[in-house]
Amino acid sequence: MSLPQGSTKLYYTIGEVSKIFDVNASLIRFWEKEFDILQPKKNKKGNRLFTQKDVDNFQIIYHLVKERGYKLDGAKKKLKENKEDTMNEMQMIASLKKIRSFLVSLKEDM
């Protein structure tokens, strides 16, 4: 999963979000129905346009369901009760992965 860092893009298509998270567009549409924090805009043709906030929210859901193994009901409950903790946990995991990567490359250079 490669999230856009510091992107100036206003909207992402469902195809772009699908590629970012390496999931099918059908999963994105399904989670949109299941989780009320996902609210992409729709253009006149009915195409979904995801804001950076939508992508960030999708990342939280992805983390809970795909990486942590939560069932949908458990993920909904976790988001309702304590979204901030989940976001902090994700940031901590990302930081630890960067540190680990740095240390591995440092070890390889020795």
PDB file of N, CA and C in Angstrom:
ATOM      1  N   MET A   1       0.855  -1.171   0.000  1.00  0.00           N
ATOM      2  CA  MET A   1       0.000   0.000   0.000  1.00  0.00           C
ATOM      3  C   MET A   1       0.897   1.228   0.000  1.00  0.00           C
ATOM      4  N   SER A   2       0.753   2.043  -1.032  1.00  0.00           N
ATOM      5  CA  SER A   2       1.563   3.260  -1.080  1.00  0.00           C
ATOM      6  C   SER A   2       0.645   4.470  -1.097  1.00  0.00           C
ATOM      7  N   LEU A   3       0.567   5.106   0.056  1.00  0.00           N
ATOM      8  CA  LEU A   3      -0.293   6.269   0.188  1.00  0.00           C
ATOM      9  C   LEU A   3       0.369   7.492  -0.400  1.00  0.00           C
ATOM     10  N   PRO A   4      -0.422   8.355  -1.025  1.00  0.00           N
ATOM     11  CA  PRO A   4       0.136   9.584  -1.578  1.00  0.00           C
ATOM     12  C   PRO A   4       0.600  10.504  -0.456  1.00  0.00           C
ATOM     13  N   GLN A   5       1.865  10.857  -0.462  1.00  0.00           N
ATOM     14  CA  GLN A   5       2.415  11.720   0.578  1.00  0.00           C
ATOM     15  C   GLN A   5       2.457  13.153   0.080  1.00  0.00           C
ATOM     16  N   GLY A   6       1.793  14.051   0.792  1.00  0.00           N
ATOM     17  CA  GLY A   6       1.826  15.468   0.458  1.00  0.00           C
ATOM     18  C   GLY A   6       1.244  15.776  -0.907  1.00  0.00           C
ATOM     19  N   SER A   7       0.310  14.973  -1.348  1.00  0.00           N
ATOM     20  CA  SER A   7      -0.295  15.176  -2.659  1.00  0.00           C
ATOM     21  C   SER A   7      -1.157  16.436  -2.655  1.00  0.00           C
ATOM     22  N   THR A   8      -1.144  17.135  -3.771  1.00  0.00           N
ATOM     23  CA  THR A   8      -1.964  18.335  -3.889  1.00  0.00           C
ATOM     24  C   THR A   8      -3.267  18.033  -4.615  1.00  0.00           C
ATOM     25  N   LYS A   9      -3.517  16.784  -4.857  1.00  0.00           N
ATOM     26  CA  LYS A   9      -4.705  16.356  -5.576  1.00  0.00           C
ATOM     27  C   LYS A   9      -5.956  16.564  -4.710  1.00  0.00           C
ATOM     28  N   LEU A  10      -7.001  17.119  -5.312  1.00  0.00           N
ATOM     29  CA  LEU A  10      -8.233  17.347  -4.563  1.00  0.00           C
ATOM     30  C   LEU A  10      -9.086  16.087  -4.466  1.00  0.00           C
ATOM     31  N   TYR A  11      -9.144  15.326  -5.550  1.00  0.00           N
ATOM     32  CA  TYR A  11      -9.999  14.145  -5.578  1.00  0.00           C
ATOM     33  C   TYR A  11      -9.266  12.962  -6.196  1.00  0.00           C
ATOM     34  N   TYR A  12      -9.594  11.780  -5.691  1.00  0.00           N
ATOM     35  CA  TYR A  12      -9.081  10.534  -6.234  1.00  0.00           C
ATOM     36  C   TYR A  12     -10.264   9.736  -6.770  1.00  0.00           C
ATOM     37  N   THR A  13     -10.078   9.065  -7.894  1.00  0.00           N
ATOM     38  CA  THR A  13     -11.131   8.209  -8.432  1.00  0.00           C
ATOM     39  C   THR A  13     -11.123   6.891  -7.661  1.00  0.00           C
ATOM     40  N   ILE A  14     -12.169   6.127  -7.847  1.00  0.00           N
ATOM     41  CA  ILE A  14     -12.232   4.832  -7.171  1.00  0.00           C
ATOM     42  C   ILE A  14     -11.112   3.922  -7.667  1.00  0.00           C
ATOM     43  N   GLY A  15     -10.740   4.064  -8.936  1.00  0.00           N
ATOM     44  CA  GLY A  15      -9.629   3.281  -9.481  1.00  0.00           C
ATOM     45  C   GLY A  15      -8.311   3.621  -8.820  1.00  0.00           C
ATOM     46  N   GLU A  16      -8.084   4.900  -8.569  1.00  0.00           N
ATOM     47  CA  GLU A  16      -6.849   5.322  -7.902  1.00  0.00           C
ATOM     48  C   GLU A  16      -6.796   4.812  -6.463  1.00  0.00           C
ATOM     49  N   VAL A  17      -7.918   4.912  -5.755  1.00  0.00           N
ATOM     50  CA  VAL A  17      -7.976   4.413  -4.374  1.00  0.00           C
ATOM     51  C   VAL A  17      -7.773   2.904  -4.372  1.00  0.00           C
ATOM     52  N   SER A  18      -8.354   2.240  -5.341  1.00  0.00           N
ATOM     53  CA  SER A  18      -8.203   0.800  -5.484  1.00  0.00           C
ATOM     54  C   SER A  18      -6.732   0.422  -5.661  1.00  0.00           C
ATOM     55  N   LYS A  19      -6.006   1.168  -6.473  1.00  0.00           N
ATOM     56  CA  LYS A  19      -4.573   0.896  -6.690  1.00  0.00           C
ATOM     57  C   LYS A  19      -3.751   1.214  -5.445  1.00  0.00           C
ATOM     58  N   ILE A  20      -4.074   2.303  -4.768  1.00  0.00           N
ATOM     59  CA  ILE A  20      -3.324   2.688  -3.567  1.00  0.00           C
ATOM     60  C   ILE A  20      -3.344   1.565  -2.538  1.00  0.00           C
ATOM     61  N   PHE A  21      -4.514   0.966  -2.342  1.00  0.00           N
ATOM     62  CA  PHE A  21      -4.671  -0.053  -1.302  1.00  0.00           C
ATOM     63  C   PHE A  21      -4.617  -1.482  -1.838  1.00  0.00           C
ATOM     64  N   ASP A  22      -4.471  -1.613  -3.162  1.00  0.00           N
ATOM     65  CA  ASP A  22      -4.420  -2.923  -3.800  1.00  0.00           C
ATOM     66  C   ASP A  22      -5.643  -3.777  -3.431  1.00  0.00           C
ATOM     67  N   VAL A  23      -6.824  -3.174  -3.606  1.00  0.00           N
ATOM     68  CA  VAL A  23      -8.094  -3.870  -3.359  1.00  0.00           C
ATOM     69  C   VAL A  23      -9.000  -3.649  -4.570  1.00  0.00           C
ATOM     70  N   ASN A  24     -10.036  -4.455  -4.668  1.00  0.00           N
ATOM     71  CA  ASN A  24     -11.010  -4.282  -5.745  1.00  0.00           C
ATOM     72  C   ASN A  24     -11.907  -3.084  -5.469  1.00  0.00           C
ATOM     73  N   ALA A  25     -12.380  -2.462  -6.542  1.00  0.00           N
ATOM     74  CA  ALA A  25     -13.298  -1.332  -6.405  1.00  0.00           C
ATOM     75  C   ALA A  25     -14.577  -1.765  -5.690  1.00  0.00           C
ATOM     76  N   SER A  26     -14.967  -3.028  -5.859  1.00  0.00           N
ATOM     77  CA  SER A  26     -16.184  -3.517  -5.204  1.00  0.00           C
ATOM     78  C   SER A  26     -16.047  -3.465  -3.679  1.00  0.00           C
ATOM     79  N   LEU A  27     -14.842  -3.712  -3.157  1.00  0.00           N
ATOM     80  CA  LEU A  27     -14.626  -3.633  -1.710  1.00  0.00           C
ATOM     81  C   LEU A  27     -14.783  -2.185  -1.240  1.00  0.00           C
ATOM     82  N   ILE A  28     -14.291  -1.254  -2.030  1.00  0.00           N
ATOM     83  CA  ILE A  28     -14.413   0.165  -1.674  1.00  0.00           C
ATOM     84  C   ILE A  28     -15.889   0.560  -1.634  1.00  0.00           C
ATOM     85  N   ARG A  29     -16.644   0.146  -2.638  1.00  0.00           N
ATOM     86  CA  ARG A  29     -18.083   0.454  -2.656  1.00  0.00           C
ATOM     87  C   ARG A  29     -18.795  -0.204  -1.477  1.00  0.00           C
ATOM     88  N   PHE A  30     -18.422  -1.435  -1.145  1.00  0.00           N
ATOM     89  CA  PHE A  30     -19.038  -2.144  -0.021  1.00  0.00           C
ATOM     90  C   PHE A  30     -18.746  -1.425   1.286  1.00  0.00           C
ATOM     91  N   TRP A  31     -17.477  -1.079   1.517  1.00  0.00           N
ATOM     92  CA  TRP A  31     -17.124  -0.392   2.758  1.00  0.00           C
ATOM     93  C   TRP A  31     -17.766   0.982   2.823  1.00  0.00           C
ATOM     94  N   GLU A  32     -17.972   1.595   1.682  1.00  0.00           N
ATOM     95  CA  GLU A  32     -18.653   2.898   1.666  1.00  0.00           C
ATOM     96  C   GLU A  32     -20.063   2.761   2.240  1.00  0.00           C
ATOM     97  N   LYS A  33     -20.727   1.664   1.938  1.00  0.00           N
ATOM     98  CA  LYS A  33     -22.073   1.416   2.467  1.00  0.00           C
ATOM     99  C   LYS A  33     -22.033   1.054   3.942  1.00  0.00           C
ATOM    100  N   GLU A  34     -20.988   0.348   4.359  1.00  0.00           N
ATOM    101  CA  GLU A  34     -20.877  -0.148   5.728  1.00  0.00           C
ATOM    102  C   GLU A  34     -20.399   0.910   6.726  1.00  0.00           C
ATOM    103  N   PHE A  35     -19.514   1.798   6.290  1.00  0.00           N
ATOM    104  CA  PHE A  35     -18.901   2.775   7.190  1.00  0.00           C
ATOM    105  C   PHE A  35     -19.323   4.182   6.798  1.00  0.00           C
ATOM    106  N   ASP A  36     -20.002   4.853   7.723  1.00  0.00           N
ATOM    107  CA  ASP A  36     -20.514   6.191   7.408  1.00  0.00           C
ATOM    108  C   ASP A  36     -19.430   7.269   7.345  1.00  0.00           C
ATOM    109  N   ILE A  37     -18.197   6.943   7.752  1.00  0.00           N
ATOM    110  CA  ILE A  37     -17.130   7.949   7.644  1.00  0.00           C
ATOM    111  C   ILE A  37     -16.596   8.046   6.210  1.00  0.00           C
ATOM    112  N   LEU A  38     -16.942   7.082   5.365  1.00  0.00           N
ATOM    113  CA  LEU A  38     -16.578   7.164   3.952  1.00  0.00           C
ATOM    114  C   LEU A  38     -17.724   7.809   3.190  1.00  0.00           C
ATOM    115  N   GLN A  39     -17.501   9.016   2.725  1.00  0.00           N
ATOM    116  CA  GLN A  39     -18.556   9.731   2.011  1.00  0.00           C
ATOM    117  C   GLN A  39     -17.994  10.437   0.782  1.00  0.00           C
ATOM    118  N   PRO A  40     -17.628   9.647  -0.243  1.00  0.00           N
ATOM    119  CA  PRO A  40     -17.091  10.289  -1.442  1.00  0.00           C
ATOM    120  C   PRO A  40     -18.161  11.106  -2.159  1.00  0.00           C
ATOM    121  N   LYS A  41     -17.708  12.149  -2.811  1.00  0.00           N
ATOM    122  CA  LYS A  41     -18.620  12.952  -3.639  1.00  0.00           C
ATOM    123  C   LYS A  41     -18.887  12.159  -4.907  1.00  0.00           C
ATOM    124  N   LYS A  42     -19.961  12.495  -5.588  1.00  0.00           N
ATOM    125  CA  LYS A  42     -20.236  11.868  -6.879  1.00  0.00           C
ATOM    126  C   LYS A  42     -20.428  12.970  -7.905  1.00  0.00           C
ATOM    127  N   ASN A  43     -19.832  12.775  -9.085  1.00  0.00           N
ATOM    128  CA  ASN A  43     -20.013  13.771 -10.139  1.00  0.00           C
ATOM    129  C   ASN A  43     -21.330  13.517 -10.868  1.00  0.00           C
ATOM    130  N   LYS A  44     -21.593  14.276 -11.909  1.00  0.00           N
ATOM    131  CA  LYS A  44     -22.873  14.157 -12.622  1.00  0.00           C
ATOM    132  C   LYS A  44     -23.084  12.773 -13.219  1.00  0.00           C
ATOM    133  N   LYS A  45     -21.986  12.107 -13.556  1.00  0.00           N
ATOM    134  CA  LYS A  45     -22.086  10.758 -14.115  1.00  0.00           C
ATOM    135  C   LYS A  45     -22.267   9.699 -13.032  1.00  0.00           C
ATOM    136  N   GLY A  46     -22.107  10.095 -11.770  1.00  0.00           N
ATOM    137  CA  GLY A  46     -22.236   9.145 -10.670  1.00  0.00           C
ATOM    138  C   GLY A  46     -20.915   8.523 -10.252  1.00  0.00           C
ATOM    139  N   ASN A  47     -19.809   8.992 -10.840  1.00  0.00           N
ATOM    140  CA  ASN A  47     -18.488   8.478 -10.463  1.00  0.00           C
ATOM    141  C   ASN A  47     -18.093   9.012  -9.093  1.00  0.00           C
ATOM    142  N   ARG A  48     -17.529   8.140  -8.281  1.00  0.00           N
ATOM    143  CA  ARG A  48     -17.103   8.536  -6.941  1.00  0.00           C
ATOM    144  C   ARG A  48     -15.801   9.326  -7.002  1.00  0.00           C
ATOM    145  N   LEU A  49     -15.746  10.394  -6.213  1.00  0.00           N
ATOM    146  CA  LEU A  49     -14.551  11.215  -6.104  1.00  0.00           C
ATOM    147  C   LEU A  49     -14.187  11.300  -4.624  1.00  0.00           C
ATOM    148  N   PHE A  50     -13.053  10.706  -4.277  1.00  0.00           N
ATOM    149  CA  PHE A  50     -12.627  10.621  -2.893  1.00  0.00           C
ATOM    150  C   PHE A  50     -11.686  11.763  -2.550  1.00  0.00           C
ATOM    151  N   THR A  51     -11.950  12.440  -1.439  1.00  0.00           N
ATOM    152  CA  THR A  51     -11.057  13.483  -0.949  1.00  0.00           C
ATOM    153  C   THR A  51      -9.918  12.823  -0.182  1.00  0.00           C
ATOM    154  N   GLN A  52      -8.912  13.616   0.193  1.00  0.00           N
ATOM    155  CA  GLN A  52      -7.807  13.072   0.988  1.00  0.00           C
ATOM    156  C   GLN A  52      -8.340  12.547   2.322  1.00  0.00           C
ATOM    157  N   LYS A  53      -9.351  13.218   2.874  1.00  0.00           N
ATOM    158  CA  LYS A  53      -9.948  12.758   4.138  1.00  0.00           C
ATOM    159  C   LYS A  53     -10.583  11.378   3.954  1.00  0.00           C
ATOM    160  N   ASP A  54     -11.266  11.170   2.825  1.00  0.00           N
ATOM    161  CA  ASP A  54     -11.853   9.857   2.542  1.00  0.00           C
ATOM    162  C   ASP A  54     -10.767   8.788   2.451  1.00  0.00           C
ATOM    163  N   VAL A  55      -9.660   9.125   1.775  1.00  0.00           N
ATOM    164  CA  VAL A  55      -8.550   8.178   1.637  1.00  0.00           C
ATOM    165  C   VAL A  55      -7.961   7.862   3.010  1.00  0.00           C
ATOM    166  N   ASP A  56      -7.809   8.887   3.841  1.00  0.00           N
ATOM    167  CA  ASP A  56      -7.296   8.676   5.200  1.00  0.00           C
ATOM    168  C   ASP A  56      -8.240   7.783   6.009  1.00  0.00           C
ATOM    169  N   ASN A  57      -9.539   8.031   5.900  1.00  0.00           N
ATOM    170  CA  ASN A  57     -10.525   7.208   6.604  1.00  0.00           C
ATOM    171  C   ASN A  57     -10.505   5.775   6.079  1.00  0.00           C
ATOM    172  N   PHE A  58     -10.351   5.635   4.764  1.00  0.00           N
ATOM    173  CA  PHE A  58     -10.269   4.298   4.184  1.00  0.00           C
ATOM    174  C   PHE A  58      -9.037   3.572   4.715  1.00  0.00           C
ATOM    175  N   GLN A  59      -7.951   4.302   4.891  1.00  0.00           N
ATOM    176  CA  GLN A  59      -6.727   3.708   5.428  1.00  0.00           C
ATOM    177  C   GLN A  59      -6.959   3.183   6.846  1.00  0.00           C
ATOM    178  N   ILE A  60      -7.701   3.922   7.644  1.00  0.00           N
ATOM    179  CA  ILE A  60      -8.003   3.483   9.012  1.00  0.00           C
ATOM    180  C   ILE A  60      -8.825   2.193   8.980  1.00  0.00           C
ATOM    181  N   ILE A  61      -9.838   2.172   8.130  1.00  0.00           N
ATOM    182  CA  ILE A  61     -10.683   0.977   8.014  1.00  0.00           C
ATOM    183  C   ILE A  61      -9.842  -0.201   7.515  1.00  0.00           C
ATOM    184  N   TYR A  62      -9.021   0.053   6.499  1.00  0.00           N
ATOM    185  CA  TYR A  62      -8.147  -0.980   5.950  1.00  0.00           C
ATOM    186  C   TYR A  62      -7.239  -1.542   7.044  1.00  0.00           C
ATOM    187  N   HIS A  63      -6.667  -0.655   7.835  1.00  0.00           N
ATOM    188  CA  HIS A  63      -5.779  -1.077   8.925  1.00  0.00           C
ATOM    189  C   HIS A  63      -6.520  -1.989   9.900  1.00  0.00           C
ATOM    190  N   LEU A  64      -7.709  -1.577  10.305  1.00  0.00           N
ATOM    191  CA  LEU A  64      -8.457  -2.367  11.284  1.00  0.00           C
ATOM    192  C   LEU A  64      -8.885  -3.719  10.728  1.00  0.00           C
ATOM    193  N   VAL A  65      -9.420  -3.720   9.508  1.00  0.00           N
ATOM    194  CA  VAL A  65     -10.004  -4.946   8.954  1.00  0.00           C
ATOM    195  C   VAL A  65      -8.943  -5.863   8.343  1.00  0.00           C
ATOM    196  N   LYS A  66      -8.086  -5.321   7.510  1.00  0.00           N
ATOM    197  CA  LYS A  66      -7.131  -6.164   6.782  1.00  0.00           C
ATOM    198  C   LYS A  66      -5.849  -6.446   7.564  1.00  0.00           C
ATOM    199  N   GLU A  67      -5.360  -5.460   8.287  1.00  0.00           N
ATOM    200  CA  GLU A  67      -4.083  -5.646   8.979  1.00  0.00           C
ATOM    201  C   GLU A  67      -4.264  -6.166  10.404  1.00  0.00           C
ATOM    202  N   ARG A  68      -5.294  -5.711  11.087  1.00  0.00           N
ATOM    203  CA  ARG A  68      -5.502  -6.122  12.486  1.00  0.00           C
ATOM    204  C   ARG A  68      -6.504  -7.268  12.624  1.00  0.00           C
ATOM    205  N   GLY A  69      -7.254  -7.569  11.559  1.00  0.00           N
ATOM    206  CA  GLY A  69      -8.164  -8.704  11.577  1.00  0.00           C
ATOM    207  C   GLY A  69      -9.509  -8.464  12.238  1.00  0.00           C
ATOM    208  N   TYR A  70      -9.906  -7.212  12.382  1.00  0.00           N
ATOM    209  CA  TYR A  70     -11.216  -6.912  12.967  1.00  0.00           C
ATOM    210  C   TYR A  70     -12.330  -7.346  12.019  1.00  0.00           C
ATOM    211  N   LYS A  71     -13.428  -7.805  12.576  1.00  0.00           N
ATOM    212  CA  LYS A  71     -14.653  -8.008  11.797  1.00  0.00           C
ATOM    213  C   LYS A  71     -15.250  -6.625  11.565  1.00  0.00           C
ATOM    214  N   LEU A  72     -16.176  -6.510  10.616  1.00  0.00           N
ATOM    215  CA  LEU A  72     -16.742  -5.194  10.294  1.00  0.00           C
ATOM    216  C   LEU A  72     -17.412  -4.550  11.498  1.00  0.00           C
ATOM    217  N   ASP A  73     -18.173  -5.318  12.253  1.00  0.00           N
ATOM    218  CA  ASP A  73     -18.838  -4.753  13.435  1.00  0.00           C
ATOM    219  C   ASP A  73     -17.830  -4.266  14.463  1.00  0.00           C
ATOM    220  N   GLY A  74     -16.760  -5.030  14.641  1.00  0.00           N
ATOM    221  CA  GLY A  74     -15.717  -4.635  15.585  1.00  0.00           C
ATOM    222  C   GLY A  74     -15.002  -3.370  15.132  1.00  0.00           C
ATOM    223  N   ALA A  75     -14.757  -3.261  13.830  1.00  0.00           N
ATOM    224  CA  ALA A  75     -14.109  -2.063  13.289  1.00  0.00           C
ATOM    225  C   ALA A  75     -15.011  -0.842  13.458  1.00  0.00           C
ATOM    226  N   LYS A  76     -16.306  -1.018  13.209  1.00  0.00           N
ATOM    227  CA  LYS A  76     -17.261   0.097  13.386  1.00  0.00           C
ATOM    228  C   LYS A  76     -17.269   0.561  14.834  1.00  0.00           C
ATOM    229  N   LYS A  77     -17.283  -0.408  15.750  1.00  0.00           N
ATOM    230  CA  LYS A  77     -17.298  -0.083  17.178  1.00  0.00           C
ATOM    231  C   LYS A  77     -16.019   0.647  17.575  1.00  0.00           C
ATOM    232  N   LYS A  78     -14.888   0.154  17.107  1.00  0.00           N
ATOM    233  CA  LYS A  78     -13.592   0.769  17.420  1.00  0.00           C
ATOM    234  C   LYS A  78     -13.533   2.205  16.901  1.00  0.00           C
ATOM    235  N   LEU A  79     -14.039   2.435  15.693  1.00  0.00           N
ATOM    236  CA  LEU A  79     -14.049   3.782  15.118  1.00  0.00           C
ATOM    237  C   LEU A  79     -14.959   4.715  15.905  1.00  0.00           C
ATOM    238  N   LYS A  80     -16.087   4.183  16.354  1.00  0.00           N
ATOM    239  CA  LYS A  80     -17.026   5.001  17.114  1.00  0.00           C
ATOM    240  C   LYS A  80     -16.457   5.363  18.481  1.00  0.00           C
ATOM    241  N   GLU A  81     -15.839   4.380  19.121  1.00  0.00           N
ATOM    242  CA  GLU A  81     -15.344   4.584  20.481  1.00  0.00           C
ATOM    243  C   GLU A  81     -14.060   5.391  20.531  1.00  0.00           C
ATOM    244  N   ASN A  82     -13.117   5.078  19.625  1.00  0.00           N
ATOM    245  CA  ASN A  82     -11.812   5.708  19.764  1.00  0.00           C
ATOM    246  C   ASN A  82     -11.035   5.749  18.456  1.00  0.00           C
ATOM    247  N   LYS A  83     -11.454   6.586  17.557  1.00  0.00           N
ATOM    248  CA  LYS A  83     -10.791   6.732  16.251  1.00  0.00           C
ATOM    249  C   LYS A  83      -9.373   7.277  16.428  1.00  0.00           C
ATOM    250  N   GLU A  84      -9.188   8.174  17.378  1.00  0.00           N
ATOM    251  CA  GLU A  84      -7.874   8.801  17.595  1.00  0.00           C
ATOM    252  C   GLU A  84      -6.813   7.768  17.972  1.00  0.00           C
ATOM    253  N   ASP A  85      -7.156   6.826  18.847  1.00  0.00           N
ATOM    254  CA  ASP A  85      -6.198   5.793  19.237  1.00  0.00           C
ATOM    255  C   ASP A  85      -5.750   4.970  18.032  1.00  0.00           C
ATOM    256  N   THR A  86      -6.695   4.647  17.175  1.00  0.00           N
ATOM    257  CA  THR A  86      -6.375   3.872  15.982  1.00  0.00           C
ATOM    258  C   THR A  86      -5.445   4.656  15.072  1.00  0.00           C
ATOM    259  N   MET A  87      -5.708   5.946  14.896  1.00  0.00           N
ATOM    260  CA  MET A  87      -4.855   6.789  14.063  1.00  0.00           C
ATOM    261  C   MET A  87      -3.447   6.876  14.659  1.00  0.00           C
ATOM    262  N   ASN A  88      -3.365   7.064  15.970  1.00  0.00           N
ATOM    263  CA  ASN A  88      -2.055   7.132  16.627  1.00  0.00           C
ATOM    264  C   ASN A  88      -1.293   5.819  16.484  1.00  0.00           C
ATOM    265  N   GLU A  89      -2.007   4.714  16.619  1.00  0.00           N
ATOM    266  CA  GLU A  89      -1.395   3.399  16.482  1.00  0.00           C
ATOM    267  C   GLU A  89      -0.845   3.205  15.075  1.00  0.00           C
ATOM    268  N   MET A  90      -1.609   3.627  14.069  1.00  0.00           N
ATOM    269  CA  MET A  90      -1.162   3.513  12.683  1.00  0.00           C
ATOM    270  C   MET A  90       0.099   4.346  12.448  1.00  0.00           C
ATOM    271  N   GLN A  91       0.124   5.551  12.998  1.00  0.00           N
ATOM    272  CA  GLN A  91       1.302   6.407  12.842  1.00  0.00           C
ATOM    273  C   GLN A  91       2.515   5.797  13.534  1.00  0.00           C
ATOM    274  N   MET A  92       2.296   5.202  14.691  1.00  0.00           N
ATOM    275  CA  MET A  92       3.391   4.578  15.417  1.00  0.00           C
ATOM    276  C   MET A  92       3.938   3.388  14.625  1.00  0.00           C
ATOM    277  N   ILE A  93       3.058   2.577  14.069  1.00  0.00           N
ATOM    278  CA  ILE A  93       3.483   1.422  13.279  1.00  0.00           C
ATOM    279  C   ILE A  93       4.275   1.884  12.059  1.00  0.00           C
ATOM    280  N   ALA A  94       3.808   2.946  11.397  1.00  0.00           N
ATOM    281  CA  ALA A  94       4.517   3.478  10.229  1.00  0.00           C
ATOM    282  C   ALA A  94       5.908   3.966  10.621  1.00  0.00           C
ATOM    283  N   SER A  95       6.007   4.644  11.760  1.00  0.00           N
ATOM    284  CA  SER A  95       7.307   5.125  12.235  1.00  0.00           C
ATOM    285  C   SER A  95       8.244   3.968  12.555  1.00  0.00           C
ATOM    286  N   LEU A  96       7.708   2.946  13.199  1.00  0.00           N
ATOM    287  CA  LEU A  96       8.536   1.781  13.538  1.00  0.00           C
ATOM    288  C   LEU A  96       9.018   1.055  12.275  1.00  0.00           C
ATOM    289  N   LYS A  97       8.169   0.988  11.259  1.00  0.00           N
ATOM    290  CA  LYS A  97       8.572   0.353  10.000  1.00  0.00           C
ATOM    291  C   LYS A  97       9.700   1.139   9.333  1.00  0.00           C
ATOM    292  N   LYS A  98       9.621   2.475   9.390  1.00  0.00           N
ATOM    293  CA  LYS A  98      10.688   3.308   8.820  1.00  0.00           C
ATOM    294  C   LYS A  98      12.000   3.088   9.572  1.00  0.00           C
ATOM    295  N   ILE A  99      11.916   3.030  10.894  1.00  0.00           N
ATOM    296  CA  ILE A  99      13.113   2.813  11.711  1.00  0.00           C
ATOM    297  C   ILE A  99      13.710   1.443  11.405  1.00  0.00           C
ATOM    298  N   ARG A 100      12.858   0.443  11.320  1.00  0.00           N
ATOM    299  CA  ARG A 100      13.332  -0.911  11.022  1.00  0.00           C
ATOM    300  C   ARG A 100      14.017  -0.943   9.660  1.00  0.00           C
ATOM    301  N   SER A 101      13.405  -0.322   8.680  1.00  0.00           N
ATOM    302  CA  SER A 101      13.990  -0.270   7.340  1.00  0.00           C
ATOM    303  C   SER A 101      15.347   0.400   7.359  1.00  0.00           C
ATOM    304  N   PHE A 102      15.445   1.504   8.090  1.00  0.00           N
ATOM    305  CA  PHE A 102      16.712   2.221   8.225  1.00  0.00           C
ATOM    306  C   PHE A 102      17.772   1.330   8.868  1.00  0.00           C
ATOM    307  N   LEU A 103      17.403   0.650   9.956  1.00  0.00           N
ATOM    308  CA  LEU A 103      18.347  -0.216  10.658  1.00  0.00           C
ATOM    309  C   LEU A 103      18.797  -1.392   9.795  1.00  0.00           C
ATOM    310  N   VAL A 104      17.873  -1.958   9.033  1.00  0.00           N
ATOM    311  CA  VAL A 104      18.227  -3.070   8.143  1.00  0.00           C
ATOM    312  C   VAL A 104      19.209  -2.594   7.073  1.00  0.00           C
ATOM    313  N   SER A 105      18.951  -1.420   6.499  1.00  0.00           N
ATOM    314  CA  SER A 105      19.871  -0.904   5.474  1.00  0.00           C
ATOM    315  C   SER A 105      21.229  -0.557   6.085  1.00  0.00           C
ATOM    316  N   LEU A 106      21.228  -0.059   7.307  1.00  0.00           N
ATOM    317  CA  LEU A 106      22.471   0.255   8.003  1.00  0.00           C
ATOM    318  C   LEU A 106      23.295  -1.020   8.237  1.00  0.00           C
ATOM    319  N   LYS A 107      22.601  -2.084   8.650  1.00  0.00           N
ATOM    320  CA  LYS A 107      23.270  -3.356   8.903  1.00  0.00           C
ATOM    321  C   LYS A 107      23.863  -3.928   7.607  1.00  0.00           C
ATOM    322  N   GLU A 108      23.114  -3.794   6.503  1.00  0.00           N
ATOM    323  CA  GLU A 108      23.588  -4.304   5.218  1.00  0.00           C
ATOM    324  C   GLU A 108      24.809  -3.547   4.726  1.00  0.00           C
ATOM    325  N   ASP A 109      24.924  -2.272   5.084  1.00  0.00           N
ATOM    326  CA  ASP A 109      26.059  -1.462   4.651  1.00  0.00           C
ATOM    327  C   ASP A 109      27.339  -1.760   5.422  1.00  0.00           C
ATOM    328  N   MET A 110      27.230  -2.474   6.536  1.00  0.00           N
ATOM    329  CA  MET A 110      28.406  -2.766   7.368  1.00  0.00           C
ATOM    330  C   MET A 110      29.206  -3.898   6.789  1.00  0.00           C
TER     331      MET A 110
END
